[in-house]
């Protein structure tokens, strides 16, 4: 399954939010195969983002990156002080998010996503599940 890094987090959180409503076999397949690999990709992306920030951050007298601590919504957040390199960091990170990745995953037939009631999922929810489902056109061609 190919997708941009920018799409990965939203797809992962959307699928995980629907996982409990999927038939067990399908939920297991998506959770154990695809979600595990997606999480690894997101962890790698996060590690790379931190390294980029460390490299571009303003440095103290000892050459260590300067950090800024602030409170956002009651949580303490620490980030690197990028100063005049913030725009360059943002551009490089946005370019990185356009990168296509591929997670090995065999799409499943539509029937494996529905329970007894075909309207179990809204159109928006089916949009989230769409990349995991064999397109109907391909299904019809395979059975012809």
N, C-alpha and C. Protein backbone atom coordinates (compact mmCIF):
# COMPACT_ATOMS: atom_id res chain seq x y z
N UNK A 1 0.84 -1.16 0.00
CA UNK A 1 0.00 0.00 0.00
C UNK A 1 0.89 1.23 0.00
N UNK A 2 0.69 2.11 -0.99
CA UNK A 2 1.47 3.33 -1.10
C UNK A 2 0.67 4.50 -0.54
N UNK A 3 1.39 5.39 0.14
CA UNK A 3 0.78 6.63 0.61
C UNK A 3 1.88 7.61 0.96
N UNK A 4 1.50 8.87 1.08
CA UNK A 4 2.45 9.90 1.49
C UNK A 4 2.60 9.85 3.01
N UNK A 5 3.79 10.23 3.47
CA UNK A 5 4.00 10.30 4.92
C UNK A 5 2.99 11.22 5.59
N UNK A 6 2.59 12.27 4.90
CA UNK A 6 1.61 13.22 5.46
C UNK A 6 0.26 12.56 5.73
N UNK A 7 -0.08 11.50 5.00
CA UNK A 7 -1.36 10.83 5.15
C UNK A 7 -1.33 9.74 6.22
N UNK A 8 -0.15 9.33 6.59
CA UNK A 8 0.01 8.14 7.41
C UNK A 8 -0.62 8.26 8.80
N UNK A 9 -0.34 9.33 9.51
CA UNK A 9 -0.86 9.46 10.89
C UNK A 9 -2.38 9.50 10.92
N UNK A 10 -2.98 10.26 10.01
CA UNK A 10 -4.44 10.34 9.96
C UNK A 10 -5.07 9.00 9.61
N UNK A 11 -4.45 8.30 8.66
CA UNK A 11 -4.98 6.99 8.27
C UNK A 11 -4.87 6.02 9.43
N UNK A 12 -3.73 6.02 10.10
CA UNK A 12 -3.54 5.11 11.24
C UNK A 12 -4.55 5.39 12.34
N UNK A 13 -4.70 6.65 12.73
CA UNK A 13 -5.64 6.93 13.82
C UNK A 13 -7.08 6.64 13.41
N UNK A 14 -7.43 6.90 12.15
CA UNK A 14 -8.77 6.60 11.67
C UNK A 14 -9.07 5.11 11.68
N UNK A 15 -8.13 4.33 11.19
CA UNK A 15 -8.32 2.88 11.15
C UNK A 15 -8.39 2.30 12.56
N UNK A 16 -7.52 2.77 13.44
CA UNK A 16 -7.54 2.25 14.81
C UNK A 16 -8.84 2.62 15.52
N UNK A 17 -9.42 3.77 15.18
CA UNK A 17 -10.69 4.15 15.81
C UNK A 17 -11.84 3.27 15.33
N UNK A 18 -11.71 2.69 14.13
CA UNK A 18 -12.76 1.83 13.59
C UNK A 18 -12.51 0.35 13.84
N UNK A 19 -11.33 0.02 14.29
CA UNK A 19 -10.91 -1.38 14.41
C UNK A 19 -11.86 -2.22 15.25
N UNK A 20 -12.37 -1.69 16.33
CA UNK A 20 -13.24 -2.47 17.22
C UNK A 20 -14.57 -2.84 16.54
N UNK A 21 -14.94 -2.11 15.51
CA UNK A 21 -16.20 -2.39 14.82
C UNK A 21 -16.03 -3.31 13.61
N UNK A 22 -14.80 -3.67 13.32
CA UNK A 22 -14.55 -4.57 12.19
C UNK A 22 -14.68 -6.01 12.63
N UNK A 23 -14.99 -6.91 11.70
CA UNK A 23 -14.96 -8.33 12.04
C UNK A 23 -13.57 -8.70 12.58
N UNK A 24 -13.51 -9.62 13.49
CA UNK A 24 -12.27 -9.96 14.21
C UNK A 24 -11.09 -10.24 13.29
N UNK A 25 -11.28 -11.07 12.30
CA UNK A 25 -10.19 -11.45 11.40
C UNK A 25 -9.64 -10.22 10.66
N UNK A 26 -10.52 -9.36 10.20
CA UNK A 26 -10.11 -8.16 9.49
C UNK A 26 -9.40 -7.20 10.44
N UNK A 27 -9.96 -7.02 11.63
CA UNK A 27 -9.34 -6.13 12.62
C UNK A 27 -7.95 -6.62 12.98
N UNK A 28 -7.80 -7.91 13.13
CA UNK A 28 -6.49 -8.48 13.46
C UNK A 28 -5.51 -8.23 12.32
N UNK A 29 -5.94 -8.49 11.10
CA UNK A 29 -5.06 -8.32 9.94
C UNK A 29 -4.58 -6.88 9.83
N UNK A 30 -5.50 -5.93 9.93
CA UNK A 30 -5.11 -4.52 9.83
C UNK A 30 -4.27 -4.10 11.03
N UNK A 31 -4.66 -4.53 12.23
CA UNK A 31 -3.94 -4.13 13.44
C UNK A 31 -2.58 -4.76 13.57
N UNK A 32 -2.47 -6.03 13.25
CA UNK A 32 -1.19 -6.71 13.47
C UNK A 32 -0.23 -6.52 12.31
N UNK A 33 -0.76 -6.38 11.10
CA UNK A 33 0.13 -6.27 9.94
C UNK A 33 0.36 -4.81 9.56
N UNK A 34 -0.70 -4.12 9.15
CA UNK A 34 -0.53 -2.77 8.63
C UNK A 34 -0.20 -1.75 9.72
N UNK A 35 -0.97 -1.75 10.80
CA UNK A 35 -0.78 -0.73 11.85
C UNK A 35 0.60 -0.81 12.49
N UNK A 36 1.10 -2.01 12.67
CA UNK A 36 2.44 -2.17 13.26
C UNK A 36 3.50 -1.53 12.36
N UNK A 37 3.41 -1.77 11.05
CA UNK A 37 4.37 -1.18 10.12
C UNK A 37 4.18 0.33 10.00
N UNK A 38 2.94 0.79 10.03
CA UNK A 38 2.66 2.22 9.97
C UNK A 38 3.26 2.92 11.18
N UNK A 39 3.13 2.32 12.35
CA UNK A 39 3.69 2.89 13.58
C UNK A 39 5.21 3.00 13.47
N UNK A 40 5.85 1.98 12.90
CA UNK A 40 7.31 2.03 12.71
C UNK A 40 7.70 3.19 11.80
N UNK A 41 6.94 3.38 10.73
CA UNK A 41 7.21 4.49 9.81
C UNK A 41 7.04 5.83 10.52
N UNK A 42 5.99 5.96 11.33
CA UNK A 42 5.77 7.21 12.06
C UNK A 42 6.88 7.46 13.08
N UNK A 43 7.35 6.41 13.73
CA UNK A 43 8.46 6.55 14.68
C UNK A 43 9.72 7.01 13.96
N UNK A 44 9.98 6.44 12.79
CA UNK A 44 11.14 6.84 11.99
C UNK A 44 11.02 8.30 11.56
N UNK A 45 9.82 8.69 11.14
CA UNK A 45 9.58 10.08 10.75
C UNK A 45 9.83 11.02 11.92
N UNK A 46 9.34 10.66 13.10
CA UNK A 46 9.54 11.48 14.30
C UNK A 46 11.02 11.59 14.64
N UNK A 47 11.74 10.49 14.59
CA UNK A 47 13.18 10.51 14.86
C UNK A 47 13.90 11.43 13.88
N UNK A 48 13.52 11.34 12.61
CA UNK A 48 14.16 12.18 11.59
C UNK A 48 13.83 13.65 11.81
N UNK A 49 12.59 13.95 12.19
CA UNK A 49 12.19 15.34 12.46
C UNK A 49 13.01 15.93 13.61
N UNK A 50 13.21 15.12 14.64
CA UNK A 50 14.00 15.58 15.79
C UNK A 50 15.45 15.83 15.39
N UNK A 51 16.03 14.93 14.60
CA UNK A 51 17.41 15.11 14.14
C UNK A 51 17.56 16.36 13.28
N UNK A 52 16.56 16.60 12.40
CA UNK A 52 16.59 17.81 11.58
C UNK A 52 16.57 19.05 12.47
N UNK A 53 15.70 19.04 13.47
CA UNK A 53 15.59 20.18 14.38
C UNK A 53 16.88 20.38 15.16
N UNK A 54 17.48 19.29 15.63
CA UNK A 54 18.74 19.39 16.36
C UNK A 54 19.84 20.01 15.50
N UNK A 55 19.89 19.59 14.24
CA UNK A 55 20.91 20.12 13.33
C UNK A 55 20.71 21.60 13.04
N UNK A 56 19.45 22.03 12.88
CA UNK A 56 19.17 23.42 12.52
C UNK A 56 19.05 24.35 13.72
N UNK A 57 18.94 23.79 14.90
CA UNK A 57 18.73 24.60 16.11
C UNK A 57 19.91 25.53 16.38
N UNK A 58 19.59 26.65 17.03
CA UNK A 58 20.64 27.52 17.52
C UNK A 58 21.41 26.76 18.58
N UNK A 59 22.72 26.99 18.66
CA UNK A 59 23.57 26.25 19.59
C UNK A 59 24.06 27.17 20.71
N UNK A 60 24.28 26.56 21.88
CA UNK A 60 24.84 27.31 23.01
C UNK A 60 26.37 27.37 22.85
N UNK A 61 27.04 27.92 23.85
CA UNK A 61 28.50 28.08 23.80
C UNK A 61 29.23 26.74 23.68
N UNK A 62 28.61 25.68 24.16
CA UNK A 62 29.22 24.34 24.08
C UNK A 62 28.85 23.60 22.80
N UNK A 63 28.06 24.25 21.94
CA UNK A 63 27.67 23.63 20.68
C UNK A 63 26.47 22.71 20.79
N UNK A 64 25.77 22.78 21.92
CA UNK A 64 24.57 21.95 22.10
C UNK A 64 23.33 22.73 21.67
N UNK A 65 22.35 22.04 21.09
CA UNK A 65 21.12 22.73 20.66
C UNK A 65 20.40 23.39 21.84
N UNK A 66 19.92 24.60 21.61
CA UNK A 66 19.17 25.32 22.64
C UNK A 66 17.71 24.88 22.58
N UNK A 67 17.13 24.60 23.73
CA UNK A 67 15.73 24.19 23.79
C UNK A 67 14.88 25.28 24.42
N UNK A 68 13.61 25.27 24.05
CA UNK A 68 12.63 26.21 24.59
C UNK A 68 11.54 25.37 25.26
N UNK A 69 11.15 25.76 26.46
CA UNK A 69 10.09 25.07 27.17
C UNK A 69 8.90 26.01 27.27
N UNK A 70 7.72 25.51 26.87
CA UNK A 70 6.49 26.32 26.98
C UNK A 70 5.34 25.42 27.37
N UNK A 71 4.29 26.06 27.84
CA UNK A 71 3.10 25.33 28.26
C UNK A 71 2.01 25.51 27.21
N UNK A 72 1.46 24.38 26.74
CA UNK A 72 0.39 24.40 25.74
C UNK A 72 -0.73 23.49 26.24
N UNK A 73 -1.91 24.07 26.43
CA UNK A 73 -3.07 23.30 26.91
C UNK A 73 -2.76 22.52 28.19
N UNK A 74 -2.03 23.13 29.09
CA UNK A 74 -1.73 22.49 30.37
C UNK A 74 -0.59 21.48 30.32
N UNK A 75 0.02 21.31 29.15
CA UNK A 75 1.15 20.37 29.04
C UNK A 75 2.43 21.13 28.74
N UNK A 76 3.50 20.70 29.37
CA UNK A 76 4.80 21.30 29.13
C UNK A 76 5.40 20.68 27.86
N UNK A 77 5.76 21.56 26.92
CA UNK A 77 6.31 21.12 25.65
C UNK A 77 7.71 21.70 25.51
N UNK A 78 8.61 20.86 25.05
CA UNK A 78 9.98 21.31 24.84
C UNK A 78 10.30 21.20 23.36
N UNK A 79 10.89 22.24 22.79
CA UNK A 79 11.26 22.22 21.38
C UNK A 79 12.63 22.88 21.23
N UNK A 80 13.17 22.75 20.04
CA UNK A 80 14.47 23.37 19.77
C UNK A 80 14.25 24.80 19.28
N UNK A 81 15.17 25.68 19.65
CA UNK A 81 15.11 27.07 19.22
C UNK A 81 15.71 27.16 17.82
N UNK A 82 14.84 27.37 16.83
CA UNK A 82 15.29 27.39 15.44
C UNK A 82 15.56 28.80 14.93
N UNK A 83 14.96 29.79 15.57
CA UNK A 83 15.22 31.18 15.18
C UNK A 83 14.99 31.42 13.70
N UNK A 84 16.00 31.99 13.02
CA UNK A 84 15.85 32.32 11.60
C UNK A 84 15.87 31.09 10.69
N UNK A 85 16.07 29.91 11.25
CA UNK A 85 16.05 28.68 10.45
C UNK A 85 14.68 27.98 10.50
N UNK A 86 13.71 28.59 11.19
CA UNK A 86 12.39 27.98 11.30
C UNK A 86 11.75 27.76 9.93
N UNK A 87 11.82 28.76 9.06
CA UNK A 87 11.19 28.64 7.74
C UNK A 87 11.87 27.53 6.93
N UNK A 88 13.19 27.44 7.01
CA UNK A 88 13.91 26.39 6.28
C UNK A 88 13.54 25.02 6.83
N UNK A 89 13.42 24.91 8.15
CA UNK A 89 13.02 23.64 8.77
C UNK A 89 11.62 23.25 8.30
N UNK A 90 10.68 24.21 8.35
CA UNK A 90 9.30 23.93 7.95
C UNK A 90 9.24 23.47 6.50
N UNK A 91 9.98 24.13 5.62
CA UNK A 91 9.98 23.76 4.20
C UNK A 91 10.54 22.36 4.02
N UNK A 92 11.67 22.07 4.66
CA UNK A 92 12.28 20.74 4.52
C UNK A 92 11.36 19.65 5.07
N UNK A 93 10.70 19.92 6.19
CA UNK A 93 9.81 18.94 6.78
C UNK A 93 8.58 18.72 5.89
N UNK A 94 8.02 19.80 5.35
CA UNK A 94 6.87 19.67 4.45
C UNK A 94 7.24 18.88 3.19
N UNK A 95 8.46 19.10 2.69
CA UNK A 95 8.94 18.31 1.54
C UNK A 95 9.05 16.84 1.92
N UNK A 96 9.54 16.57 3.11
CA UNK A 96 9.66 15.20 3.59
C UNK A 96 8.29 14.52 3.68
N UNK A 97 7.28 15.25 4.13
CA UNK A 97 5.94 14.69 4.26
C UNK A 97 5.32 14.31 2.91
N UNK A 98 5.86 14.83 1.83
CA UNK A 98 5.37 14.49 0.49
C UNK A 98 5.95 13.17 -0.02
N UNK A 99 6.89 12.61 0.73
CA UNK A 99 7.53 11.36 0.35
C UNK A 99 6.52 10.22 0.36
N UNK A 100 6.54 9.43 -0.69
CA UNK A 100 5.69 8.24 -0.76
C UNK A 100 6.39 7.07 -0.10
N UNK A 101 5.65 6.33 0.69
CA UNK A 101 6.18 5.12 1.31
C UNK A 101 5.28 3.96 0.88
N UNK A 102 5.78 2.77 1.07
CA UNK A 102 4.97 1.60 0.76
C UNK A 102 5.04 0.65 1.95
N UNK A 103 3.87 0.28 2.43
CA UNK A 103 3.76 -0.69 3.51
C UNK A 103 3.15 -1.94 2.90
N UNK A 104 3.87 -3.04 3.03
CA UNK A 104 3.38 -4.29 2.47
C UNK A 104 2.06 -4.67 3.14
N UNK A 105 1.02 -4.73 2.33
CA UNK A 105 -0.30 -5.08 2.86
C UNK A 105 -1.17 -5.54 1.71
N UNK A 106 -1.76 -6.67 1.84
CA UNK A 106 -2.65 -7.20 0.82
C UNK A 106 -4.06 -6.69 1.13
N UNK A 107 -4.64 -5.98 0.16
CA UNK A 107 -5.99 -5.48 0.35
C UNK A 107 -6.96 -6.65 0.50
N UNK A 108 -8.04 -6.39 1.20
CA UNK A 108 -9.03 -7.43 1.49
C UNK A 108 -10.33 -7.14 0.75
N UNK A 109 -11.13 -8.18 0.46
CA UNK A 109 -12.42 -7.96 -0.19
C UNK A 109 -13.37 -7.18 0.73
N UNK A 110 -14.25 -6.43 0.10
CA UNK A 110 -15.22 -5.60 0.82
C UNK A 110 -15.99 -6.40 1.87
N UNK A 111 -16.36 -7.63 1.54
CA UNK A 111 -17.16 -8.46 2.44
C UNK A 111 -16.48 -8.67 3.79
N UNK A 112 -15.16 -8.58 3.84
CA UNK A 112 -14.45 -8.79 5.10
C UNK A 112 -14.48 -7.56 6.00
N UNK A 113 -15.10 -6.48 5.54
CA UNK A 113 -15.17 -5.25 6.33
C UNK A 113 -16.55 -5.00 6.90
N UNK A 114 -17.53 -5.77 6.46
CA UNK A 114 -18.88 -5.51 6.93
C UNK A 114 -19.36 -6.66 7.81
N UNK A 115 -20.21 -6.31 8.71
CA UNK A 115 -20.83 -7.33 9.55
C UNK A 115 -22.14 -7.77 8.92
N UNK A 116 -23.12 -7.99 9.72
CA UNK A 116 -24.42 -8.42 9.22
C UNK A 116 -25.15 -7.30 8.49
N UNK A 117 -24.83 -6.07 8.83
CA UNK A 117 -25.50 -4.93 8.24
C UNK A 117 -24.52 -4.17 7.34
N UNK A 118 -24.76 -4.13 6.01
CA UNK A 118 -23.85 -3.44 5.11
C UNK A 118 -23.70 -1.95 5.41
N UNK A 119 -24.62 -1.36 6.15
CA UNK A 119 -24.51 0.06 6.47
C UNK A 119 -23.84 0.28 7.83
N UNK A 120 -23.01 -0.66 8.25
CA UNK A 120 -22.30 -0.54 9.53
C UNK A 120 -21.41 0.70 9.59
N UNK A 121 -20.94 1.15 8.42
CA UNK A 121 -20.00 2.27 8.38
C UNK A 121 -20.58 3.39 7.53
N UNK A 122 -20.32 4.62 7.96
CA UNK A 122 -20.75 5.79 7.20
C UNK A 122 -19.87 5.92 5.95
N UNK A 123 -20.26 6.82 5.09
CA UNK A 123 -19.46 7.09 3.89
C UNK A 123 -18.06 7.58 4.30
N UNK A 124 -17.99 8.45 5.29
CA UNK A 124 -16.70 8.97 5.76
C UNK A 124 -15.83 7.84 6.32
N UNK A 125 -16.44 6.93 7.04
CA UNK A 125 -15.68 5.80 7.60
C UNK A 125 -15.22 4.87 6.49
N UNK A 126 -16.04 4.67 5.48
CA UNK A 126 -15.62 3.84 4.35
C UNK A 126 -14.48 4.50 3.58
N UNK A 127 -14.47 5.83 3.57
CA UNK A 127 -13.36 6.56 2.95
C UNK A 127 -12.05 6.24 3.68
N UNK A 128 -12.09 6.17 5.00
CA UNK A 128 -10.91 5.81 5.81
C UNK A 128 -10.47 4.39 5.50
N UNK A 129 -11.44 3.49 5.39
CA UNK A 129 -11.13 2.07 5.15
C UNK A 129 -10.80 1.78 3.69
N UNK A 130 -11.12 2.70 2.79
CA UNK A 130 -10.95 2.49 1.36
C UNK A 130 -9.61 1.92 0.91
N UNK A 131 -8.49 2.43 1.39
CA UNK A 131 -7.20 1.90 0.94
C UNK A 131 -6.97 0.43 1.30
N UNK A 132 -7.74 -0.09 2.23
CA UNK A 132 -7.56 -1.47 2.69
C UNK A 132 -8.46 -2.45 1.94
N UNK A 133 -9.36 -1.91 1.12
CA UNK A 133 -10.35 -2.74 0.45
C UNK A 133 -10.00 -2.88 -1.03
N UNK A 134 -10.09 -4.11 -1.54
CA UNK A 134 -9.87 -4.32 -2.97
C UNK A 134 -10.95 -3.54 -3.71
N UNK A 135 -10.55 -2.68 -4.65
CA UNK A 135 -11.57 -1.91 -5.38
C UNK A 135 -12.58 -2.85 -6.06
N UNK A 136 -13.83 -2.47 -6.04
CA UNK A 136 -14.92 -3.28 -6.60
C UNK A 136 -14.61 -3.65 -8.06
N UNK A 137 -14.06 -2.72 -8.84
CA UNK A 137 -13.74 -2.98 -10.25
C UNK A 137 -12.76 -4.13 -10.35
N UNK A 138 -11.73 -4.15 -9.50
CA UNK A 138 -10.75 -5.24 -9.51
C UNK A 138 -11.40 -6.55 -9.08
N UNK A 139 -12.29 -6.49 -8.08
CA UNK A 139 -12.98 -7.69 -7.63
C UNK A 139 -13.79 -8.30 -8.76
N UNK A 140 -14.52 -7.45 -9.50
CA UNK A 140 -15.35 -7.92 -10.59
C UNK A 140 -14.50 -8.53 -11.70
N UNK A 141 -13.37 -7.91 -12.01
CA UNK A 141 -12.48 -8.42 -13.05
C UNK A 141 -11.87 -9.76 -12.64
N UNK A 142 -11.56 -9.92 -11.35
CA UNK A 142 -10.94 -11.15 -10.88
C UNK A 142 -11.92 -12.33 -10.92
N UNK A 143 -13.20 -12.04 -10.77
CA UNK A 143 -14.19 -13.13 -10.76
C UNK A 143 -14.74 -13.41 -12.16
N UNK A 144 -14.44 -12.52 -13.12
CA UNK A 144 -14.96 -12.70 -14.49
C UNK A 144 -14.17 -13.73 -15.27
